[in-house]
């Protein structure tokens, strides 16, 4: 594993920390290493929630490594199975990913957040897309922001390079919560513990359905469900955990999930 990545198992929580001086910028090679870690997380049934953060309190992720760009790394190069940052294109990653943003999230470091499931931002965090001032255009953000926000606000973020605070993005629905400086990772761990209380197959079914219905109408979505086209959703419905949840509720106890 790269010297610029730290991975730690904290029970059922998998924590990945970017630690690359000076700004936690990600090259294609580093992205491929991140992808290996997220694939490990995806494929290990003992791991339930992933947290991605940056070392220190100044940078979450400085985006694409411009030194690598200057050396000829291609805009559409090989960033690994999971795409830039290891998870944004990872197939069948049906487990929650939390980004604990402890500082600057710049360019692709900001764009990663749009594909995470939860974003916790520290008060000192700042977010911006400088690409248009650098002669290129964002890709992930250009695909997603106009779907997530009113067109005018999306274009403002995409085209101006303006910096945003966590509170501003929380008002837009792009950040879940803002916490004091230095508290982002603690808040992310608290959220992860809350998510672990849910059935793992239920969370997988939610992520699968959200992904597969993104371009479908309501009636098309129900048609796909009734046709039993979603493997994770069907595995959830047919699981012993589906009965366990009901039994635990009726018996007034906490459920014991097996993931089966």
Protein backbone atom coordinates (compact mmCIF):
# COMPACT_ATOMS: atom_id res chain seq x y z
CA UNK A 1 0.00 0.00 0.00
CA UNK A 2 1.14 3.56 -0.70
CA UNK A 3 2.96 5.48 2.00
CA UNK A 4 0.39 8.21 1.38
CA UNK A 5 -2.53 6.10 2.61
CA UNK A 6 -3.38 4.80 6.05
CA UNK A 7 -6.10 2.19 6.49
CA UNK A 8 -7.41 1.11 9.88
CA UNK A 9 -10.09 -1.33 10.94
CA UNK A 10 -12.11 -0.02 13.86
CA UNK A 11 -14.44 -2.94 14.48
CA UNK A 12 -16.89 -2.89 11.57
CA UNK A 13 -15.69 0.55 10.45
CA UNK A 14 -12.95 0.91 7.82
CA UNK A 15 -11.10 4.22 8.02
CA UNK A 16 -8.97 5.45 5.12
CA UNK A 17 -6.78 8.53 5.56
CA UNK A 18 -5.07 10.47 2.78
CA UNK A 19 -1.67 11.66 4.01
CA UNK A 20 0.26 13.10 1.10
CA UNK A 21 2.16 16.35 1.65
CA UNK A 22 1.47 19.10 0.88
CA UNK A 23 -2.21 18.98 0.02
CA UNK A 24 -3.40 15.36 -0.14
CA UNK A 25 -3.58 15.59 -3.94
CA UNK A 26 -4.32 12.33 -5.74
CA UNK A 27 -2.45 10.99 -8.77
CA UNK A 28 -3.71 8.13 -10.91
CA UNK A 29 -1.33 5.75 -9.15
CA UNK A 30 -2.55 6.82 -5.71
CA UNK A 31 -6.16 6.58 -6.90
CA UNK A 32 -5.60 2.99 -7.98
CA UNK A 33 -4.27 2.20 -4.50
CA UNK A 34 -7.36 3.81 -2.98
CA UNK A 35 -9.48 1.65 -5.26
CA UNK A 36 -7.83 -1.47 -3.89
CA UNK A 37 -8.74 -0.40 -0.36
CA UNK A 38 -12.35 0.32 -1.26
CA UNK A 39 -12.57 -3.05 -3.06
CA UNK A 40 -11.28 -4.67 0.14
CA UNK A 41 -13.99 -2.82 2.06
CA UNK A 42 -16.68 -3.84 -0.44
CA UNK A 43 -15.72 -7.51 -0.44
CA UNK A 44 -15.22 -8.04 3.31
CA UNK A 45 -18.54 -8.88 5.03
CA UNK A 46 -17.07 -7.98 8.43
CA UNK A 47 -16.73 -4.33 7.33
CA UNK A 48 -19.93 -2.28 7.33
CA UNK A 49 -19.08 1.42 6.87
CA UNK A 50 -16.12 3.26 5.33
CA UNK A 51 -14.84 6.68 6.38
CA UNK A 52 -12.52 8.68 4.12
CA UNK A 53 -10.66 11.67 5.52
CA UNK A 54 -7.43 13.64 5.15
CA UNK A 55 -4.50 13.89 7.52
CA UNK A 56 -4.14 17.16 9.43
CA UNK A 57 -6.68 19.97 9.59
CA UNK A 58 -5.88 21.94 6.42
CA UNK A 59 -6.63 19.57 3.52
CA UNK A 60 -9.23 16.89 2.99
CA UNK A 61 -8.12 16.43 -0.61
CA UNK A 62 -6.44 18.92 -2.92
CA UNK A 63 -7.87 17.18 -5.98
CA UNK A 64 -5.95 15.82 -8.93
CA UNK A 65 -2.19 16.00 -8.46
CA UNK A 66 -1.08 18.83 -10.77
CA UNK A 67 2.51 17.60 -10.66
CA UNK A 68 1.30 14.41 -12.31
CA UNK A 69 -0.69 16.45 -14.81
CA UNK A 70 2.41 18.47 -15.68
CA UNK A 71 4.27 15.18 -16.18
CA UNK A 72 1.70 14.13 -18.78
CA UNK A 73 -0.90 12.18 -16.80
CA UNK A 74 -4.09 12.07 -18.88
CA UNK A 75 -7.39 13.65 -17.85
CA UNK A 76 -9.19 10.40 -18.71
CA UNK A 77 -6.39 8.11 -17.58
CA UNK A 78 -6.53 4.90 -15.55
CA UNK A 79 -7.67 5.88 -12.06
CA UNK A 80 -8.50 2.31 -11.11
CA UNK A 81 -11.59 0.17 -10.67
CA UNK A 82 -13.23 2.70 -8.37
CA UNK A 83 -12.44 5.80 -10.40
CA UNK A 84 -10.85 8.92 -8.93
CA UNK A 85 -10.44 8.59 -5.18
CA UNK A 86 -11.14 4.89 -5.17
CA UNK A 87 -14.92 4.74 -4.78
CA UNK A 88 -16.87 7.07 -7.09
CA UNK A 89 -17.16 4.45 -9.86
CA UNK A 90 -16.69 1.31 -7.75
CA UNK A 91 -19.19 -1.30 -9.01
CA UNK A 92 -21.58 -2.83 -6.47
CA UNK A 93 -20.25 -0.80 -3.56
CA UNK A 94 -23.48 -1.26 -1.63
CA UNK A 95 -22.14 -0.12 1.74
CA UNK A 96 -22.18 3.42 3.19
CA UNK A 97 -19.22 5.71 2.53
CA UNK A 98 -18.78 8.75 4.78
CA UNK A 99 -16.42 11.61 3.91
CA UNK A 100 -15.09 13.47 6.94
CA UNK A 101 -13.98 16.78 5.45
CA UNK A 102 -11.43 18.30 7.78
CA UNK A 103 -10.13 21.11 5.54
CA UNK A 104 -9.97 22.12 1.90
CA UNK A 105 -11.84 19.97 -0.64
CA UNK A 106 -10.62 21.27 -4.00
CA UNK A 107 -11.51 20.22 -7.53
CA UNK A 108 -11.78 16.46 -7.75
CA UNK A 109 -11.51 16.40 -3.96
CA UNK A 110 -14.83 18.27 -3.89
CA UNK A 111 -16.28 16.12 -6.67
CA UNK A 112 -15.65 12.91 -4.71
CA UNK A 113 -18.10 14.12 -2.09
CA UNK A 114 -20.93 14.14 -4.61
CA UNK A 115 -20.64 10.35 -4.90
CA UNK A 116 -20.32 9.65 -1.18
CA UNK A 117 -23.34 8.75 0.94
CA UNK A 118 -22.69 11.18 3.78
CA UNK A 119 -20.54 14.30 4.18
CA UNK A 120 -19.47 15.63 7.56
CA UNK A 121 -17.68 18.99 7.32
CA UNK A 122 -15.56 20.77 9.90
CA UNK A 123 -16.16 24.49 10.44
CA UNK A 124 -12.84 25.26 8.76
CA UNK A 125 -13.62 23.21 5.64
CA UNK A 126 -13.82 25.00 2.30
CA UNK A 127 -15.02 23.63 -1.03
CA UNK A 128 -14.38 24.86 -4.55
CA UNK A 129 -13.95 23.85 -8.19
CA UNK A 130 -11.06 25.80 -9.78
CA UNK A 131 -10.95 23.80 -13.03
CA UNK A 132 -12.39 26.47 -15.31
CA UNK A 133 -9.63 28.83 -14.18
CA UNK A 134 -7.04 26.14 -14.97
CA UNK A 135 -8.11 25.53 -18.55
CA UNK A 136 -10.18 22.37 -18.04
CA UNK A 137 -13.67 21.48 -16.80
CA UNK A 138 -14.88 19.32 -13.92
CA UNK A 139 -16.29 15.99 -14.99
CA UNK A 140 -18.09 14.36 -12.05
CA UNK A 141 -19.44 17.69 -10.81
CA UNK A 142 -20.61 18.67 -14.30
CA UNK A 143 -22.48 15.38 -14.54
CA UNK A 144 -24.06 15.58 -11.09
CA UNK A 145 -24.50 19.14 -9.83
CA UNK A 146 -27.15 20.13 -12.41
CA UNK A 147 -29.14 17.07 -11.24
CA UNK A 148 -28.72 17.86 -7.56
CA UNK A 149 -29.22 21.64 -7.62
CA UNK A 150 -31.12 24.32 -9.53
CA UNK A 151 -29.29 24.92 -12.80
CA UNK A 152 -28.24 28.47 -11.89
CA UNK A 153 -26.66 27.45 -8.59
CA UNK A 154 -24.95 24.46 -10.20
CA UNK A 155 -23.44 26.68 -12.90
CA UNK A 156 -22.26 29.17 -10.29
CA UNK A 157 -20.32 26.44 -8.49
CA UNK A 158 -19.01 24.93 -11.72
CA UNK A 159 -18.00 28.11 -13.53
CA UNK A 160 -16.91 30.74 -11.01
CA UNK A 161 -14.35 28.88 -8.88
CA UNK A 162 -15.95 30.47 -5.81
CA UNK A 163 -15.16 28.99 -2.40
CA UNK A 164 -18.00 27.66 -0.26
CA UNK A 165 -18.23 26.90 3.44
CA UNK A 166 -19.70 23.76 4.91
CA UNK A 167 -22.72 25.75 6.10
CA UNK A 168 -23.36 27.04 2.57
CA UNK A 169 -23.25 23.53 1.13
CA UNK A 170 -25.38 22.20 3.98
CA UNK A 171 -28.01 24.78 3.01
CA UNK A 172 -27.86 23.35 -0.52
CA UNK A 173 -28.20 19.77 0.73
CA UNK A 174 -24.66 18.70 -0.25
CA UNK A 175 -23.36 18.41 3.32
CA UNK A 176 -25.12 16.50 6.10
CA UNK A 177 -23.73 18.38 9.07
CA UNK A 178 -21.09 20.90 10.09
CA UNK A 179 -19.07 20.35 13.28
CA UNK A 180 -16.31 22.29 15.09
CA UNK A 181 -12.80 22.17 13.64
CA UNK A 182 -11.06 18.95 14.56
CA UNK A 183 -14.32 17.10 15.17
CA UNK A 184 -15.15 15.79 11.68
CA UNK A 185 -13.66 12.33 12.15
CA UNK A 186 -15.31 11.90 15.56
CA UNK A 187 -18.67 12.91 14.12
CA UNK A 188 -18.17 10.52 11.20
CA UNK A 189 -17.45 7.69 13.63
CA UNK A 190 -20.61 8.49 15.57
CA UNK A 191 -22.60 8.38 12.33
CA UNK A 192 -20.93 5.09 11.35
CA UNK A 193 -21.96 3.55 14.68
CA UNK A 194 -25.52 4.67 14.02
CA UNK A 195 -25.47 3.10 10.55
CA UNK A 196 -24.16 -0.19 11.93
CA UNK A 197 -27.41 -0.57 13.87
CA UNK A 198 -29.23 -1.02 10.57
CA UNK A 199 -29.35 -4.37 8.79
CA UNK A 200 -26.45 -4.66 6.32
CA UNK A 201 -28.66 -6.12 3.60
CA UNK A 202 -31.14 -3.28 4.03
CA UNK A 203 -28.41 -0.69 3.45
CA UNK A 204 -27.18 -2.63 0.42
CA UNK A 205 -30.71 -2.74 -1.00
CA UNK A 206 -31.11 1.01 -0.53
CA UNK A 207 -27.86 1.81 -2.33
CA UNK A 208 -28.58 -0.64 -5.14
CA UNK A 209 -32.09 0.69 -5.71
CA UNK A 210 -30.95 4.32 -5.57
CA UNK A 211 -28.26 3.59 -8.19
CA UNK A 212 -30.38 1.48 -10.54
CA UNK A 213 -33.41 3.77 -10.50
CA UNK A 214 -31.50 7.00 -11.09
CA UNK A 215 -32.68 7.24 -14.69
CA UNK A 216 -36.05 5.50 -14.27
CA UNK A 217 -39.54 6.82 -13.76
CA UNK A 218 -41.53 5.84 -10.68
CA UNK A 219 -43.55 3.25 -12.62
CA UNK A 220 -40.40 1.84 -14.25
CA UNK A 221 -38.82 1.51 -10.83
CA UNK A 222 -41.75 -0.48 -9.49
CA UNK A 223 -41.74 -2.57 -12.64
CA UNK A 224 -38.09 -3.50 -12.09
CA UNK A 225 -38.77 -4.30 -8.42
CA UNK A 226 -41.75 -6.53 -9.23
CA UNK A 227 -39.70 -8.25 -11.92
CA UNK A 228 -37.12 -9.09 -9.24
CA UNK A 229 -34.32 -7.48 -11.25
CA UNK A 230 -32.32 -6.18 -8.27
CA UNK A 231 -30.08 -8.85 -6.66
CA UNK A 232 -29.28 -6.97 -3.44
CA UNK A 233 -32.91 -5.98 -2.92
CA UNK A 234 -34.12 -9.55 -3.43
CA UNK A 235 -31.41 -10.91 -1.13
CA UNK A 236 -32.66 -8.51 1.54
CA UNK A 237 -36.32 -9.53 1.11
CA UNK A 238 -35.48 -13.24 1.24
CA UNK A 239 -33.03 -13.00 4.17
CA UNK A 240 -33.38 -14.31 7.70
CA UNK A 241 -32.56 -10.76 8.80
CA UNK A 242 -35.91 -9.64 7.37
CA UNK A 243 -37.64 -11.94 9.88
CA UNK A 244 -35.18 -11.08 12.65
CA UNK A 245 -36.02 -7.40 12.46
CA UNK A 246 -39.73 -8.02 12.92
CA UNK A 247 -39.16 -10.55 15.74
CA UNK A 248 -36.80 -8.19 17.60
CA UNK A 249 -39.30 -5.35 17.36
CA UNK A 250 -42.14 -7.49 18.74
CA UNK A 251 -39.93 -8.85 21.52
CA UNK A 252 -38.65 -5.41 22.49
CA UNK A 253 -34.97 -6.20 21.94
CA UNK A 254 -32.15 -5.16 19.65
CA UNK A 255 -31.89 -7.23 16.46
CA UNK A 256 -28.94 -9.53 15.87
CA UNK A 257 -28.02 -9.17 12.22
CA UNK A 258 -26.26 -11.97 10.38
CA UNK A 259 -26.23 -10.41 6.92
CA UNK A 260 -28.02 -13.51 5.62
